[in-house]
């Protein structure tokens, strides 16, 4: 028994036993989500966690045309630091480290970013998701909610 404990302690101290990557706790986010009340085609899609990343894309359709889009990734940006990395249309890339993570919600925060400073995803049952962005813009608190419903992902040909 002592020998097994010593071996486990030695392996852990050598870094052989690794903690689960936070991105793996976000598998509930994977899939396709339609924006409730938005024009058809307005959606967000997330890949399953693999290789230490989740990849995402989003688009907003108005009057039949894409007016906004965003490429996103959740990944380790520094050793032990996991972040949401966003490349929105017509804006520079921004990084938002994980502030809190549970089995049903994640909060990403970058207080130095112009707006938003926080990005929140909250699971709502098996087929609902609420995304929220919030922060300060021009000296005023602002927040926008994006309720979504799980939908079938578009099929390729």
N, C-alpha and C. Protein backbone atom coordinates (compact mmCIF):
# COMPACT_ATOMS: atom_id res chain seq x y z
N UNK A 1 0.83 -1.20 0.00
CA UNK A 1 0.00 0.00 0.00
C UNK A 1 0.87 1.26 0.00
N UNK A 2 1.90 1.27 0.88
CA UNK A 2 2.80 2.43 0.94
C UNK A 2 3.53 2.63 -0.38
N UNK A 3 3.91 1.52 -1.01
CA UNK A 3 4.63 1.59 -2.27
C UNK A 3 3.73 2.20 -3.36
N UNK A 4 2.44 1.79 -3.41
CA UNK A 4 1.51 2.33 -4.40
C UNK A 4 1.30 3.83 -4.19
N UNK A 5 1.16 4.24 -2.93
CA UNK A 5 0.98 5.66 -2.62
C UNK A 5 2.21 6.44 -3.05
N UNK A 6 3.40 5.92 -2.74
CA UNK A 6 4.64 6.61 -3.11
C UNK A 6 4.75 6.73 -4.63
N UNK A 7 4.41 5.69 -5.37
CA UNK A 7 4.47 5.72 -6.84
C UNK A 7 3.49 6.76 -7.39
N UNK A 8 2.28 6.79 -6.86
CA UNK A 8 1.29 7.78 -7.31
C UNK A 8 1.77 9.19 -7.02
N UNK A 9 2.34 9.40 -5.85
CA UNK A 9 2.86 10.71 -5.48
C UNK A 9 4.01 11.12 -6.40
N UNK A 10 4.87 10.18 -6.71
CA UNK A 10 6.00 10.46 -7.61
C UNK A 10 5.51 10.81 -9.00
N UNK A 11 4.55 10.05 -9.53
CA UNK A 11 4.00 10.33 -10.85
C UNK A 11 3.31 11.69 -10.89
N UNK A 12 2.55 12.00 -9.85
CA UNK A 12 1.85 13.29 -9.81
C UNK A 12 2.84 14.45 -9.76
N UNK A 13 3.89 14.30 -8.98
CA UNK A 13 4.86 15.39 -8.89
C UNK A 13 5.66 15.53 -10.18
N UNK A 14 5.75 14.48 -10.97
CA UNK A 14 6.46 14.54 -12.24
C UNK A 14 5.56 15.07 -13.35
N UNK A 15 4.30 15.34 -13.04
CA UNK A 15 3.38 15.88 -14.03
C UNK A 15 2.76 14.82 -14.92
N UNK A 16 2.95 13.54 -14.60
CA UNK A 16 2.41 12.46 -15.42
C UNK A 16 0.90 12.38 -15.26
N UNK A 17 0.41 12.64 -14.05
CA UNK A 17 -1.03 12.65 -13.81
C UNK A 17 -1.51 14.08 -13.99
N UNK A 18 -2.18 14.34 -15.07
CA UNK A 18 -2.61 15.71 -15.38
C UNK A 18 -4.07 15.91 -15.00
N UNK A 19 -4.39 17.13 -14.63
CA UNK A 19 -5.78 17.47 -14.37
C UNK A 19 -6.52 17.54 -15.69
N UNK A 20 -7.82 17.30 -15.63
CA UNK A 20 -8.63 17.41 -16.84
C UNK A 20 -8.62 18.85 -17.34
N UNK A 21 -8.44 19.01 -18.64
CA UNK A 21 -8.44 20.34 -19.24
C UNK A 21 -9.83 20.95 -19.09
N UNK A 22 -9.92 22.22 -18.67
CA UNK A 22 -11.23 22.86 -18.52
C UNK A 22 -12.10 22.78 -19.78
N UNK A 23 -11.48 22.79 -20.95
CA UNK A 23 -12.26 22.74 -22.19
C UNK A 23 -13.09 21.46 -22.26
N UNK A 24 -12.62 20.38 -21.64
CA UNK A 24 -13.38 19.13 -21.67
C UNK A 24 -14.67 19.21 -20.87
N UNK A 25 -14.74 20.13 -19.90
CA UNK A 25 -15.97 20.31 -19.12
C UNK A 25 -17.03 21.08 -19.90
N UNK A 26 -16.68 21.57 -21.10
CA UNK A 26 -17.60 22.38 -21.90
C UNK A 26 -18.25 21.60 -23.04
N UNK A 27 -18.22 20.29 -22.99
CA UNK A 27 -18.79 19.51 -24.09
C UNK A 27 -20.29 19.79 -24.27
N UNK A 28 -20.97 20.27 -23.22
CA UNK A 28 -22.40 20.61 -23.34
C UNK A 28 -22.62 21.77 -24.31
N UNK A 29 -21.58 22.53 -24.61
CA UNK A 29 -21.69 23.66 -25.53
C UNK A 29 -21.61 23.21 -26.99
N UNK A 30 -21.06 22.02 -27.23
CA UNK A 30 -20.87 21.53 -28.60
C UNK A 30 -22.20 21.34 -29.32
N UNK A 31 -22.19 21.65 -30.60
CA UNK A 31 -23.37 21.47 -31.43
C UNK A 31 -23.77 22.76 -32.11
N UNK A 32 -24.96 22.76 -32.65
CA UNK A 32 -25.48 23.92 -33.38
C UNK A 32 -26.63 24.54 -32.59
N UNK A 33 -26.62 25.86 -32.58
CA UNK A 33 -27.59 26.62 -31.79
C UNK A 33 -28.18 27.72 -32.66
N UNK A 34 -29.51 27.76 -32.75
CA UNK A 34 -30.16 28.86 -33.49
C UNK A 34 -30.53 29.96 -32.51
N UNK A 35 -30.38 31.19 -32.97
CA UNK A 35 -30.69 32.35 -32.14
C UNK A 35 -32.21 32.53 -32.10
N UNK A 36 -32.78 32.44 -30.92
CA UNK A 36 -34.22 32.55 -30.73
C UNK A 36 -34.70 33.93 -31.18
N UNK A 37 -35.70 33.95 -32.06
CA UNK A 37 -36.29 35.20 -32.53
C UNK A 37 -35.50 35.89 -33.63
N UNK A 38 -34.38 35.32 -34.03
CA UNK A 38 -33.57 35.94 -35.09
C UNK A 38 -33.96 35.34 -36.45
N UNK A 39 -33.47 35.98 -37.49
CA UNK A 39 -33.74 35.51 -38.84
C UNK A 39 -33.11 34.13 -39.06
N UNK A 40 -33.76 33.25 -39.82
CA UNK A 40 -33.19 31.92 -40.08
C UNK A 40 -31.76 32.03 -40.61
N UNK A 41 -30.92 31.13 -40.13
CA UNK A 41 -29.50 31.15 -40.51
C UNK A 41 -28.63 31.84 -39.47
N UNK A 42 -29.26 32.61 -38.57
CA UNK A 42 -28.50 33.23 -37.46
C UNK A 42 -28.24 32.12 -36.45
N UNK A 43 -26.97 31.79 -36.28
CA UNK A 43 -26.66 30.63 -35.45
C UNK A 43 -25.24 30.67 -34.92
N UNK A 44 -24.97 29.73 -34.02
CA UNK A 44 -23.65 29.53 -33.45
C UNK A 44 -23.40 28.03 -33.47
N UNK A 45 -22.18 27.64 -33.84
CA UNK A 45 -21.81 26.23 -33.87
C UNK A 45 -20.50 26.04 -33.11
N UNK A 46 -20.45 24.98 -32.29
CA UNK A 46 -19.24 24.64 -31.53
C UNK A 46 -18.87 23.19 -31.77
N UNK A 47 -17.58 22.94 -31.97
CA UNK A 47 -17.09 21.57 -32.10
C UNK A 47 -16.98 20.93 -30.72
N UNK A 48 -16.91 19.61 -30.70
CA UNK A 48 -16.60 18.91 -29.46
C UNK A 48 -15.17 19.22 -29.07
N UNK A 49 -14.85 19.17 -27.78
CA UNK A 49 -13.45 19.36 -27.38
C UNK A 49 -12.58 18.25 -27.99
N UNK A 50 -11.46 18.63 -28.56
CA UNK A 50 -10.49 17.67 -29.09
C UNK A 50 -9.14 18.36 -29.17
N UNK A 51 -8.10 17.66 -28.79
CA UNK A 51 -6.76 18.22 -28.87
C UNK A 51 -6.56 19.47 -28.04
N UNK A 52 -7.38 19.64 -27.00
CA UNK A 52 -7.24 20.81 -26.13
C UNK A 52 -7.91 22.06 -26.65
N UNK A 53 -8.80 21.92 -27.63
CA UNK A 53 -9.50 23.09 -28.16
C UNK A 53 -10.96 22.79 -28.43
N UNK A 54 -11.74 23.85 -28.48
CA UNK A 54 -13.10 23.83 -29.05
C UNK A 54 -13.10 24.95 -30.08
N UNK A 55 -13.63 24.68 -31.26
CA UNK A 55 -13.72 25.68 -32.31
C UNK A 55 -15.16 26.11 -32.47
N UNK A 56 -15.38 27.40 -32.70
CA UNK A 56 -16.73 27.91 -32.87
C UNK A 56 -16.83 28.91 -34.01
N UNK A 57 -18.02 29.01 -34.56
CA UNK A 57 -18.33 30.04 -35.55
C UNK A 57 -19.74 30.54 -35.27
N UNK A 58 -19.97 31.78 -35.61
CA UNK A 58 -21.30 32.37 -35.42
C UNK A 58 -21.56 33.34 -36.56
N UNK A 59 -22.85 33.49 -36.88
CA UNK A 59 -23.23 34.49 -37.87
C UNK A 59 -24.60 35.02 -37.53
N UNK A 60 -24.82 36.29 -37.91
CA UNK A 60 -26.11 36.94 -37.74
C UNK A 60 -26.61 37.34 -39.12
N UNK A 61 -27.84 36.95 -39.42
CA UNK A 61 -28.47 37.25 -40.70
C UNK A 61 -29.54 38.32 -40.49
N UNK A 62 -29.53 39.34 -41.33
CA UNK A 62 -30.59 40.37 -41.34
C UNK A 62 -30.94 40.66 -42.79
N UNK A 63 -32.24 40.67 -43.06
CA UNK A 63 -32.73 40.91 -44.42
C UNK A 63 -32.06 39.98 -45.43
N UNK A 64 -31.86 38.73 -45.02
CA UNK A 64 -31.32 37.73 -45.91
C UNK A 64 -29.82 37.79 -46.14
N UNK A 65 -29.11 38.66 -45.41
CA UNK A 65 -27.66 38.80 -45.61
C UNK A 65 -26.91 38.65 -44.28
N UNK A 66 -25.71 38.10 -44.36
CA UNK A 66 -24.86 38.01 -43.17
C UNK A 66 -24.35 39.41 -42.84
N UNK A 67 -24.67 39.88 -41.64
CA UNK A 67 -24.25 41.21 -41.22
C UNK A 67 -23.16 41.17 -40.16
N UNK A 68 -23.04 40.07 -39.45
CA UNK A 68 -21.99 39.88 -38.46
C UNK A 68 -21.56 38.41 -38.49
N UNK A 69 -20.28 38.18 -38.19
CA UNK A 69 -19.76 36.83 -38.07
C UNK A 69 -18.64 36.84 -37.04
N UNK A 70 -18.32 35.65 -36.55
CA UNK A 70 -17.24 35.55 -35.56
C UNK A 70 -16.64 34.15 -35.60
N UNK A 71 -15.31 34.08 -35.59
CA UNK A 71 -14.59 32.83 -35.44
C UNK A 71 -14.09 32.80 -34.00
N UNK A 72 -14.28 31.68 -33.31
CA UNK A 72 -13.91 31.60 -31.90
C UNK A 72 -13.16 30.29 -31.62
N UNK A 73 -12.44 30.30 -30.52
CA UNK A 73 -11.73 29.11 -30.08
C UNK A 73 -11.61 29.19 -28.56
N UNK A 74 -11.78 28.07 -27.91
CA UNK A 74 -11.49 27.97 -26.48
C UNK A 74 -10.25 27.09 -26.39
N UNK A 75 -9.18 27.63 -25.79
CA UNK A 75 -7.90 26.91 -25.76
C UNK A 75 -7.03 27.41 -24.62
N UNK A 76 -5.96 26.69 -24.39
CA UNK A 76 -4.97 27.11 -23.39
C UNK A 76 -4.10 28.18 -24.04
N UNK A 77 -4.13 29.39 -23.51
CA UNK A 77 -3.38 30.50 -24.08
C UNK A 77 -2.02 30.70 -23.41
N UNK A 78 -1.89 30.20 -22.20
CA UNK A 78 -0.62 30.16 -21.46
C UNK A 78 -0.71 28.90 -20.62
N UNK A 79 0.41 28.37 -20.15
CA UNK A 79 0.32 27.16 -19.32
C UNK A 79 -0.67 27.34 -18.15
N UNK A 80 -1.68 26.51 -18.12
CA UNK A 80 -2.68 26.55 -17.05
C UNK A 80 -3.72 27.64 -17.19
N UNK A 81 -3.69 28.45 -18.25
CA UNK A 81 -4.64 29.55 -18.45
C UNK A 81 -5.47 29.27 -19.71
N UNK A 82 -6.77 29.06 -19.51
CA UNK A 82 -7.68 28.72 -20.61
C UNK A 82 -8.53 29.94 -20.94
N UNK A 83 -8.74 30.16 -22.25
CA UNK A 83 -9.40 31.39 -22.68
C UNK A 83 -10.30 31.16 -23.89
N UNK A 84 -11.22 32.10 -24.04
CA UNK A 84 -12.07 32.23 -25.22
C UNK A 84 -11.34 33.24 -26.11
N UNK A 85 -10.99 32.83 -27.30
CA UNK A 85 -10.29 33.71 -28.24
C UNK A 85 -11.26 34.01 -29.38
N UNK A 86 -11.57 35.28 -29.58
CA UNK A 86 -12.59 35.67 -30.55
C UNK A 86 -11.99 36.53 -31.66
N UNK A 87 -12.45 36.26 -32.88
CA UNK A 87 -12.10 37.11 -34.03
C UNK A 87 -13.42 37.51 -34.68
N UNK A 88 -14.02 38.62 -34.19
CA UNK A 88 -15.29 39.07 -34.75
C UNK A 88 -15.09 39.86 -36.05
N UNK A 89 -16.15 39.94 -36.83
CA UNK A 89 -16.08 40.68 -38.09
C UNK A 89 -15.67 42.12 -37.83
N UNK A 90 -14.76 42.61 -38.65
CA UNK A 90 -14.31 44.01 -38.65
C UNK A 90 -13.67 44.45 -37.33
N UNK A 91 -13.20 43.53 -36.50
CA UNK A 91 -12.57 43.89 -35.23
C UNK A 91 -11.32 43.04 -35.02
N UNK A 92 -10.37 43.54 -34.22
CA UNK A 92 -9.18 42.73 -33.93
C UNK A 92 -9.51 41.57 -32.99
N UNK A 93 -8.66 40.56 -33.01
CA UNK A 93 -8.81 39.40 -32.14
C UNK A 93 -8.74 39.84 -30.67
N UNK A 94 -9.53 39.17 -29.83
CA UNK A 94 -9.53 39.47 -28.39
C UNK A 94 -9.55 38.16 -27.61
N UNK A 95 -8.91 38.17 -26.44
CA UNK A 95 -8.81 36.98 -25.59
C UNK A 95 -9.48 37.25 -24.25
N UNK A 96 -10.30 36.29 -23.80
CA UNK A 96 -11.05 36.40 -22.55
C UNK A 96 -10.77 35.15 -21.72
N UNK A 97 -9.91 35.23 -20.69
CA UNK A 97 -9.63 34.06 -19.85
C UNK A 97 -10.88 33.59 -19.09
N UNK A 98 -10.90 32.30 -18.76
CA UNK A 98 -11.99 31.75 -17.96
C UNK A 98 -11.91 32.35 -16.56
N UNK A 99 -13.02 32.93 -16.13
CA UNK A 99 -13.11 33.45 -14.76
C UNK A 99 -13.75 32.40 -13.84
N UNK A 100 -14.81 31.75 -14.34
CA UNK A 100 -15.45 30.68 -13.56
C UNK A 100 -16.02 29.64 -14.50
N UNK A 101 -16.09 28.41 -14.01
CA UNK A 101 -16.56 27.29 -14.81
C UNK A 101 -17.29 26.31 -13.91
N UNK A 102 -18.49 25.91 -14.33
CA UNK A 102 -19.24 24.88 -13.61
C UNK A 102 -19.75 23.88 -14.65
N UNK A 103 -20.57 22.93 -14.22
CA UNK A 103 -21.12 21.94 -15.15
C UNK A 103 -22.17 22.54 -16.08
N UNK A 104 -22.65 23.75 -15.80
CA UNK A 104 -23.71 24.32 -16.62
C UNK A 104 -23.47 25.77 -17.03
N UNK A 105 -22.31 26.33 -16.70
CA UNK A 105 -22.05 27.72 -17.07
C UNK A 105 -20.55 27.98 -17.12
N UNK A 106 -20.19 28.96 -17.95
CA UNK A 106 -18.81 29.41 -18.02
C UNK A 106 -18.81 30.92 -18.19
N UNK A 107 -17.89 31.58 -17.49
CA UNK A 107 -17.74 33.03 -17.60
C UNK A 107 -16.31 33.30 -18.05
N UNK A 108 -16.18 34.06 -19.13
CA UNK A 108 -14.89 34.50 -19.64
C UNK A 108 -14.82 36.00 -19.38
N UNK A 109 -13.65 36.49 -18.96
CA UNK A 109 -13.57 37.92 -18.62
C UNK A 109 -12.22 38.51 -19.01
N UNK A 110 -12.30 39.72 -19.60
CA UNK A 110 -11.12 40.52 -19.92
C UNK A 110 -11.46 41.97 -19.59
N UNK A 111 -11.12 42.43 -18.37
CA UNK A 111 -11.47 43.79 -17.95
C UNK A 111 -10.85 44.89 -18.81
N UNK A 112 -9.77 44.58 -19.54
CA UNK A 112 -9.11 45.60 -20.37
C UNK A 112 -9.75 45.75 -21.75
N UNK A 113 -10.62 44.84 -22.13
CA UNK A 113 -11.24 44.90 -23.46
C UNK A 113 -12.26 46.03 -23.50
N UNK A 114 -12.45 46.64 -24.68
CA UNK A 114 -13.38 47.78 -24.78
C UNK A 114 -14.82 47.35 -24.45
N UNK A 115 -15.42 46.51 -25.24
CA UNK A 115 -16.73 45.93 -24.93
C UNK A 115 -16.89 44.72 -25.82
N UNK A 116 -17.35 43.64 -25.29
CA UNK A 116 -17.70 43.38 -23.89
C UNK A 116 -16.47 43.06 -23.05
N UNK A 117 -16.65 43.08 -21.75
CA UNK A 117 -15.59 42.62 -20.86
C UNK A 117 -15.86 41.19 -20.37
N UNK A 118 -17.12 40.76 -20.43
CA UNK A 118 -17.49 39.41 -20.00
C UNK A 118 -18.34 38.74 -21.08
N UNK A 119 -18.07 37.45 -21.26
CA UNK A 119 -18.86 36.59 -22.14
C UNK A 119 -19.30 35.42 -21.29
N UNK A 120 -20.60 35.17 -21.28
CA UNK A 120 -21.16 34.13 -20.40
C UNK A 120 -22.00 33.17 -21.25
N UNK A 121 -21.78 31.89 -21.04
CA UNK A 121 -22.64 30.86 -21.63
C UNK A 121 -23.26 30.09 -20.48
N UNK A 122 -24.58 29.96 -20.52
CA UNK A 122 -25.27 29.22 -19.47
C UNK A 122 -26.21 28.22 -20.11
N UNK A 123 -26.05 26.99 -19.73
CA UNK A 123 -26.88 25.89 -20.22
C UNK A 123 -28.27 26.03 -19.63
N UNK A 124 -29.28 25.75 -20.45
CA UNK A 124 -30.67 25.81 -20.00
C UNK A 124 -31.33 24.50 -20.41
N UNK A 125 -31.21 23.48 -19.55
CA UNK A 125 -31.71 22.15 -19.89
C UNK A 125 -30.83 21.52 -20.95
N UNK A 126 -31.38 20.58 -21.73
CA UNK A 126 -30.57 19.92 -22.74
C UNK A 126 -30.59 20.65 -24.08
N UNK A 127 -31.63 21.44 -24.32
CA UNK A 127 -31.78 22.07 -25.64
C UNK A 127 -31.80 23.59 -25.60
N UNK A 128 -31.44 24.19 -24.48
CA UNK A 128 -31.43 25.64 -24.39
C UNK A 128 -30.07 26.16 -23.96
N UNK A 129 -29.75 27.34 -24.43
CA UNK A 129 -28.49 27.98 -24.11
C UNK A 129 -28.71 29.48 -24.07
N UNK A 130 -28.12 30.13 -23.09
CA UNK A 130 -28.17 31.60 -23.05
C UNK A 130 -26.74 32.10 -23.11
N UNK A 131 -26.47 32.88 -24.14
CA UNK A 131 -25.19 33.58 -24.22
C UNK A 131 -25.46 35.01 -23.78
N UNK A 132 -24.50 35.59 -23.12
CA UNK A 132 -24.66 36.97 -22.64
C UNK A 132 -23.31 37.67 -22.75
N UNK A 133 -23.34 38.89 -23.23
CA UNK A 133 -22.14 39.73 -23.19
C UNK A 133 -22.47 40.93 -22.31
N UNK A 134 -21.49 41.36 -21.53
CA UNK A 134 -21.74 42.50 -20.64
C UNK A 134 -20.45 43.24 -20.35
N UNK A 135 -20.62 44.44 -19.86
CA UNK A 135 -19.48 45.27 -19.50
C UNK A 135 -19.85 46.73 -19.54
N UNK A 136 -18.83 47.57 -19.60
CA UNK A 136 -19.01 49.01 -19.62
C UNK A 136 -18.62 49.53 -21.00
N UNK A 137 -19.47 50.39 -21.56
CA UNK A 137 -19.19 51.03 -22.83
C UNK A 137 -19.56 52.50 -22.71
N UNK A 138 -18.60 53.36 -23.00
CA UNK A 138 -18.81 54.82 -22.89
C UNK A 138 -19.31 55.20 -21.50
N UNK A 139 -18.75 54.55 -20.48
CA UNK A 139 -19.08 54.87 -19.09
C UNK A 139 -20.38 54.29 -18.58
N UNK A 140 -21.09 53.51 -19.39
CA UNK A 140 -22.38 52.94 -18.97
C UNK A 140 -22.34 51.42 -19.03
N UNK A 141 -22.97 50.79 -18.00
CA UNK A 141 -23.11 49.34 -17.98
C UNK A 141 -24.05 48.92 -19.10
N UNK A 142 -23.65 47.89 -19.84
CA UNK A 142 -24.47 47.37 -20.91
C UNK A 142 -24.45 45.85 -20.84
N UNK A 143 -25.52 45.24 -21.33
CA UNK A 143 -25.58 43.78 -21.41
C UNK A 143 -26.54 43.39 -22.53
N UNK A 144 -26.19 42.32 -23.21
CA UNK A 144 -27.05 41.79 -24.27
C UNK A 144 -27.17 40.29 -24.08
N UNK A 145 -28.40 39.78 -24.11
CA UNK A 145 -28.67 38.35 -23.99
C UNK A 145 -28.98 37.77 -25.36
N UNK A 146 -28.49 36.55 -25.58
CA UNK A 146 -28.72 35.84 -26.82
C UNK A 146 -29.25 34.45 -26.49
N UNK A 147 -30.57 34.32 -26.34
CA UNK A 147 -31.13 32.99 -26.08
C UNK A 147 -31.05 32.14 -27.35
N UNK A 148 -30.71 30.87 -27.15
CA UNK A 148 -30.55 29.97 -28.29
C UNK A 148 -31.19 28.62 -28.00
N UNK A 149 -31.52 27.94 -29.07
CA UNK A 149 -32.10 26.60 -28.99
C UNK A 149 -31.25 25.65 -29.82
N UNK A 150 -31.00 24.47 -29.27
CA UNK A 150 -30.24 23.48 -30.02
C UNK A 150 -30.99 23.14 -31.30
N UNK A 151 -30.25 23.05 -32.38
CA UNK A 151 -30.84 22.74 -33.67
C UNK A 151 -29.96 21.72 -34.39
N UNK A 152 -30.48 21.16 -35.44
CA UNK A 152 -29.70 20.21 -36.22
C UNK A 152 -28.63 20.99 -36.99
N UNK A 153 -27.41 20.47 -36.97
CA UNK A 153 -26.34 21.11 -37.72
C UNK A 153 -26.56 20.92 -39.21
N UNK A 154 -26.23 21.95 -40.02
CA UNK A 154 -26.39 21.79 -41.46
C UNK A 154 -25.49 20.66 -41.97
N UNK A 155 -26.00 19.90 -42.89
CA UNK A 155 -25.24 18.81 -43.46
C UNK A 155 -24.47 19.25 -44.70
N UNK A 156 -23.29 18.72 -44.84
CA UNK A 156 -22.51 18.98 -46.07
C UNK A 156 -22.94 18.03 -47.16
N UNK A 157 -22.50 18.27 -48.33
CA UNK A 157 -22.86 17.37 -49.46
C UNK A 157 -21.69 16.49 -49.79
